[in-house]
Amino acid sequence: MPRPKIQRRIRCRPAYSCFKPNGVPMSELASLSLAADELEALRLVDLIGLSQQAAAQELEVSRQTLGNIVAAARHKVASALVKGMALELDTVSHPNNQKEPSCQ
């Protein structure tokens, strides 16, 4: 039995819930799910340009865990782009109805 997943600090929510190839109905596409922590890791490392150590501190995980999250996220994004699949973005529900800013 795997260890339970520790809650990550997610600081933004995606503007959209899905990205897919243009002109193809969603019902005809295979899809991959990109978890909220995977999107946040990509945002911190690839978009903002933080080092993995700094991004790991922001996400409140170890550097090794962040590296694993980034690798999995990059693989999913590349697979979706190359194979023409839909990429569904998981949303995060915050306790106490806290609002998080949208990703920019």
N, C-alpha and C. Protein backbone atom coordinates (compact mmCIF):
# COMPACT_ATOMS: atom_id res chain seq x y z
N MET A 1 0.84 -1.18 0.00
CA MET A 1 0.00 0.00 0.00
C MET A 1 0.89 1.24 0.00
N PRO A 2 0.66 2.19 -0.94
CA PRO A 2 1.50 3.39 -0.99
C PRO A 2 1.23 4.33 0.18
N ARG A 3 2.23 5.13 0.46
CA ARG A 3 2.07 6.14 1.51
C ARG A 3 1.03 7.17 1.08
N PRO A 4 0.31 7.75 2.04
CA PRO A 4 -0.65 8.79 1.68
C PRO A 4 0.09 10.04 1.17
N LYS A 5 -0.52 10.72 0.22
CA LYS A 5 0.09 11.90 -0.38
C LYS A 5 -0.04 13.09 0.57
N ILE A 6 1.07 13.75 0.84
CA ILE A 6 1.07 14.93 1.70
C ILE A 6 0.48 16.09 0.91
N GLN A 7 -0.33 16.92 1.57
CA GLN A 7 -0.94 18.05 0.90
C GLN A 7 0.14 19.05 0.47
N ARG A 8 0.07 19.48 -0.77
CA ARG A 8 1.03 20.44 -1.33
C ARG A 8 0.47 21.85 -1.21
N ARG A 9 1.37 22.85 -1.25
CA ARG A 9 0.93 24.24 -1.23
C ARG A 9 0.76 24.69 -2.69
N ILE A 10 -0.48 24.76 -3.14
CA ILE A 10 -0.79 25.17 -4.50
C ILE A 10 -1.22 26.64 -4.43
N ARG A 11 -0.54 27.50 -5.18
CA ARG A 11 -0.79 28.93 -5.07
C ARG A 11 -1.59 29.52 -6.22
N CYS A 12 -1.98 28.71 -7.18
CA CYS A 12 -2.78 29.26 -8.28
C CYS A 12 -3.71 28.18 -8.82
N ARG A 13 -4.71 28.63 -9.53
CA ARG A 13 -5.61 27.70 -10.20
C ARG A 13 -5.56 27.99 -11.69
N PRO A 14 -5.69 26.96 -12.52
CA PRO A 14 -5.62 27.19 -13.96
C PRO A 14 -6.84 27.97 -14.46
N ALA A 15 -6.64 28.74 -15.51
CA ALA A 15 -7.74 29.52 -16.10
C ALA A 15 -8.74 28.61 -16.81
N TYR A 16 -8.27 27.45 -17.26
CA TYR A 16 -9.12 26.51 -17.98
C TYR A 16 -8.96 25.12 -17.36
N SER A 17 -9.91 24.25 -17.61
CA SER A 17 -9.84 22.91 -17.04
C SER A 17 -9.32 21.87 -18.04
N CYS A 18 -9.18 22.27 -19.31
CA CYS A 18 -8.76 21.30 -20.32
C CYS A 18 -8.11 22.01 -21.50
N PHE A 19 -7.10 21.36 -22.06
CA PHE A 19 -6.50 21.79 -23.33
C PHE A 19 -6.57 20.59 -24.27
N LYS A 20 -6.97 20.85 -25.51
CA LYS A 20 -7.13 19.76 -26.47
C LYS A 20 -6.82 20.27 -27.86
N PRO A 21 -6.58 19.34 -28.79
CA PRO A 21 -6.36 19.75 -30.18
C PRO A 21 -7.60 20.46 -30.73
N ASN A 22 -7.38 21.50 -31.49
CA ASN A 22 -8.47 22.27 -32.07
C ASN A 22 -9.23 21.46 -33.12
N GLY A 23 -10.54 21.55 -33.11
CA GLY A 23 -11.36 20.93 -34.14
C GLY A 23 -11.69 19.47 -33.93
N VAL A 24 -11.25 18.89 -32.83
CA VAL A 24 -11.55 17.48 -32.55
C VAL A 24 -12.45 17.43 -31.31
N PRO A 25 -13.62 16.81 -31.42
CA PRO A 25 -14.51 16.73 -30.25
C PRO A 25 -13.84 15.97 -29.10
N MET A 26 -14.11 16.42 -27.92
CA MET A 26 -13.53 15.80 -26.72
C MET A 26 -13.88 14.32 -26.64
N SER A 27 -15.05 13.94 -27.10
CA SER A 27 -15.47 12.54 -27.04
C SER A 27 -14.62 11.63 -27.91
N GLU A 28 -13.90 12.20 -28.87
CA GLU A 28 -13.07 11.40 -29.77
C GLU A 28 -11.60 11.35 -29.34
N LEU A 29 -11.26 12.01 -28.25
CA LEU A 29 -9.86 12.11 -27.82
C LEU A 29 -9.58 11.28 -26.58
N ALA A 30 -8.39 10.70 -26.55
CA ALA A 30 -7.87 10.14 -25.31
C ALA A 30 -7.40 11.33 -24.49
N SER A 31 -7.39 11.19 -23.18
CA SER A 31 -6.97 12.32 -22.36
C SER A 31 -6.02 11.88 -21.25
N LEU A 32 -5.23 12.84 -20.80
CA LEU A 32 -4.34 12.66 -19.65
C LEU A 32 -4.73 13.69 -18.61
N SER A 33 -4.57 13.33 -17.35
CA SER A 33 -4.88 14.24 -16.26
C SER A 33 -3.59 14.80 -15.68
N LEU A 34 -3.50 16.12 -15.60
CA LEU A 34 -2.36 16.79 -14.99
C LEU A 34 -2.80 17.27 -13.61
N ALA A 35 -2.20 16.71 -12.57
CA ALA A 35 -2.58 17.04 -11.20
C ALA A 35 -2.22 18.49 -10.87
N ALA A 36 -2.89 19.04 -9.88
CA ALA A 36 -2.65 20.43 -9.49
C ALA A 36 -1.20 20.65 -9.06
N ASP A 37 -0.60 19.68 -8.35
CA ASP A 37 0.79 19.87 -7.93
C ASP A 37 1.75 19.78 -9.11
N GLU A 38 1.39 19.01 -10.14
CA GLU A 38 2.22 18.94 -11.34
C GLU A 38 2.19 20.27 -12.10
N LEU A 39 1.01 20.86 -12.23
CA LEU A 39 0.90 22.16 -12.89
C LEU A 39 1.66 23.23 -12.10
N GLU A 40 1.53 23.21 -10.80
CA GLU A 40 2.22 24.19 -9.95
C GLU A 40 3.74 24.02 -10.07
N ALA A 41 4.22 22.80 -10.11
CA ALA A 41 5.65 22.55 -10.25
C ALA A 41 6.15 23.07 -11.60
N LEU A 42 5.40 22.84 -12.67
CA LEU A 42 5.78 23.37 -13.98
C LEU A 42 5.79 24.90 -13.97
N ARG A 43 4.80 25.49 -13.32
CA ARG A 43 4.74 26.96 -13.24
C ARG A 43 5.96 27.52 -12.53
N LEU A 44 6.31 26.92 -11.40
CA LEU A 44 7.43 27.42 -10.61
C LEU A 44 8.77 27.23 -11.33
N VAL A 45 8.99 26.05 -11.88
CA VAL A 45 10.30 25.73 -12.47
C VAL A 45 10.43 26.26 -13.89
N ASP A 46 9.45 25.99 -14.75
CA ASP A 46 9.58 26.33 -16.17
C ASP A 46 9.10 27.73 -16.51
N LEU A 47 8.04 28.19 -15.89
CA LEU A 47 7.50 29.51 -16.22
C LEU A 47 8.21 30.62 -15.45
N ILE A 48 8.28 30.47 -14.14
CA ILE A 48 8.92 31.50 -13.31
C ILE A 48 10.45 31.37 -13.34
N GLY A 49 10.95 30.14 -13.48
CA GLY A 49 12.38 29.93 -13.56
C GLY A 49 13.08 29.73 -12.23
N LEU A 50 12.33 29.31 -11.22
CA LEU A 50 12.95 29.03 -9.93
C LEU A 50 13.84 27.79 -10.04
N SER A 51 14.85 27.72 -9.19
CA SER A 51 15.63 26.49 -9.09
C SER A 51 14.74 25.42 -8.49
N GLN A 52 15.13 24.17 -8.67
CA GLN A 52 14.32 23.10 -8.09
C GLN A 52 14.29 23.20 -6.57
N GLN A 53 15.37 23.62 -5.96
CA GLN A 53 15.40 23.75 -4.50
C GLN A 53 14.41 24.82 -4.02
N ALA A 54 14.42 25.99 -4.69
CA ALA A 54 13.49 27.06 -4.32
C ALA A 54 12.04 26.66 -4.59
N ALA A 55 11.81 26.00 -5.72
CA ALA A 55 10.46 25.56 -6.05
C ALA A 55 9.97 24.51 -5.05
N ALA A 56 10.86 23.63 -4.62
CA ALA A 56 10.49 22.61 -3.62
C ALA A 56 10.08 23.26 -2.32
N GLN A 57 10.77 24.32 -1.92
CA GLN A 57 10.40 25.03 -0.69
C GLN A 57 9.03 25.68 -0.84
N GLU A 58 8.75 26.26 -2.01
CA GLU A 58 7.44 26.86 -2.26
C GLU A 58 6.32 25.83 -2.19
N LEU A 59 6.57 24.65 -2.74
CA LEU A 59 5.57 23.59 -2.79
C LEU A 59 5.51 22.79 -1.49
N GLU A 60 6.51 23.04 -0.61
CA GLU A 60 6.62 22.36 0.68
C GLU A 60 6.83 20.86 0.52
N VAL A 61 7.77 20.50 -0.39
CA VAL A 61 8.17 19.12 -0.59
C VAL A 61 9.69 19.08 -0.66
N SER A 62 10.25 17.88 -0.66
CA SER A 62 11.71 17.77 -0.81
C SER A 62 12.10 18.05 -2.26
N ARG A 63 13.38 18.36 -2.48
CA ARG A 63 13.86 18.62 -3.83
C ARG A 63 13.69 17.39 -4.71
N GLN A 64 13.94 16.22 -4.16
CA GLN A 64 13.78 14.98 -4.92
C GLN A 64 12.33 14.76 -5.33
N THR A 65 11.41 15.02 -4.43
CA THR A 65 9.98 14.89 -4.74
C THR A 65 9.59 15.88 -5.83
N LEU A 66 10.07 17.11 -5.73
CA LEU A 66 9.77 18.10 -6.76
C LEU A 66 10.31 17.63 -8.11
N GLY A 67 11.52 17.11 -8.14
CA GLY A 67 12.09 16.60 -9.38
C GLY A 67 11.23 15.50 -9.99
N ASN A 68 10.72 14.62 -9.15
CA ASN A 68 9.82 13.55 -9.63
C ASN A 68 8.52 14.11 -10.18
N ILE A 69 7.97 15.13 -9.50
CA ILE A 69 6.72 15.75 -9.94
C ILE A 69 6.92 16.44 -11.28
N VAL A 70 8.01 17.20 -11.42
CA VAL A 70 8.30 17.91 -12.67
C VAL A 70 8.50 16.92 -13.82
N ALA A 71 9.24 15.85 -13.57
CA ALA A 71 9.48 14.85 -14.62
C ALA A 71 8.18 14.22 -15.09
N ALA A 72 7.31 13.88 -14.15
CA ALA A 72 6.02 13.28 -14.52
C ALA A 72 5.16 14.27 -15.30
N ALA A 73 5.16 15.53 -14.86
CA ALA A 73 4.35 16.56 -15.53
C ALA A 73 4.86 16.81 -16.94
N ARG A 74 6.18 16.93 -17.11
CA ARG A 74 6.74 17.15 -18.45
C ARG A 74 6.43 15.99 -19.38
N HIS A 75 6.48 14.77 -18.86
CA HIS A 75 6.17 13.59 -19.67
C HIS A 75 4.71 13.63 -20.14
N LYS A 76 3.80 13.99 -19.24
CA LYS A 76 2.38 14.06 -19.60
C LYS A 76 2.14 15.14 -20.65
N VAL A 77 2.73 16.32 -20.47
CA VAL A 77 2.53 17.42 -21.42
C VAL A 77 3.10 17.03 -22.79
N ALA A 78 4.30 16.48 -22.81
CA ALA A 78 4.91 16.07 -24.08
C ALA A 78 4.08 14.98 -24.76
N SER A 79 3.60 14.02 -24.01
CA SER A 79 2.77 12.95 -24.58
C SER A 79 1.49 13.52 -25.19
N ALA A 80 0.85 14.45 -24.47
CA ALA A 80 -0.39 15.04 -24.98
C ALA A 80 -0.13 15.82 -26.27
N LEU A 81 0.96 16.57 -26.33
CA LEU A 81 1.27 17.34 -27.53
C LEU A 81 1.62 16.45 -28.71
N VAL A 82 2.47 15.47 -28.49
CA VAL A 82 2.94 14.63 -29.59
C VAL A 82 1.85 13.68 -30.08
N LYS A 83 1.07 13.14 -29.17
CA LYS A 83 0.06 12.14 -29.53
C LYS A 83 -1.32 12.74 -29.80
N GLY A 84 -1.45 14.07 -29.69
CA GLY A 84 -2.74 14.72 -29.96
C GLY A 84 -3.81 14.35 -28.96
N MET A 85 -3.45 14.34 -27.68
CA MET A 85 -4.39 13.98 -26.62
C MET A 85 -4.87 15.23 -25.89
N ALA A 86 -6.00 15.11 -25.22
CA ALA A 86 -6.48 16.19 -24.36
C ALA A 86 -5.72 16.15 -23.04
N LEU A 87 -5.50 17.32 -22.47
CA LEU A 87 -4.82 17.44 -21.19
C LEU A 87 -5.80 18.07 -20.21
N GLU A 88 -6.29 17.27 -19.27
CA GLU A 88 -7.25 17.76 -18.30
C GLU A 88 -6.52 18.21 -17.05
N LEU A 89 -6.81 19.44 -16.60
CA LEU A 89 -6.15 20.02 -15.44
C LEU A 89 -7.02 19.84 -14.21
N ASP A 90 -6.48 19.15 -13.21
CA ASP A 90 -7.22 18.97 -11.96
C ASP A 90 -7.28 20.29 -11.22
N THR A 91 -8.41 20.55 -10.60
CA THR A 91 -8.55 21.74 -9.77
C THR A 91 -8.39 21.35 -8.32
N VAL A 92 -8.03 22.31 -7.51
CA VAL A 92 -7.79 22.08 -6.09
C VAL A 92 -8.92 22.71 -5.31
N SER A 93 -9.46 21.98 -4.35
CA SER A 93 -10.45 22.58 -3.45
C SER A 93 -9.72 22.98 -2.17
N HIS A 94 -9.90 24.23 -1.78
CA HIS A 94 -9.22 24.75 -0.59
C HIS A 94 -10.16 24.70 0.60
N PRO A 95 -9.62 24.38 1.78
CA PRO A 95 -10.46 24.40 2.98
C PRO A 95 -10.90 25.83 3.28
N ASN A 96 -12.03 25.95 3.94
CA ASN A 96 -12.57 27.24 4.38
C ASN A 96 -12.87 28.18 3.20
N ASN A 97 -13.10 27.60 2.02
CA ASN A 97 -13.46 28.38 0.83
C ASN A 97 -12.45 29.47 0.50
N GLN A 98 -11.17 29.23 0.77
CA GLN A 98 -10.14 30.19 0.43
C GLN A 98 -10.04 30.29 -1.09
N LYS A 99 -9.87 31.50 -1.57
CA LYS A 99 -9.71 31.71 -3.01
C LYS A 99 -8.24 31.82 -3.34
N GLU A 100 -7.81 31.13 -4.39
CA GLU A 100 -6.44 31.22 -4.83
C GLU A 100 -6.40 32.01 -6.12
N PRO A 101 -5.31 32.72 -6.38
CA PRO A 101 -5.23 33.49 -7.62
C PRO A 101 -5.11 32.58 -8.83
N SER A 102 -5.49 33.09 -9.99
CA SER A 102 -5.32 32.28 -11.20
C SER A 102 -3.85 32.31 -11.60
N CYS A 103 -3.41 31.26 -12.29
CA CYS A 103 -2.02 31.16 -12.75
C CYS A 103 -1.75 32.23 -13.79
N GLN A 104 -0.57 32.84 -13.71
CA GLN A 104 -0.21 33.86 -14.70
C GLN A 104 1.19 33.64 -15.15
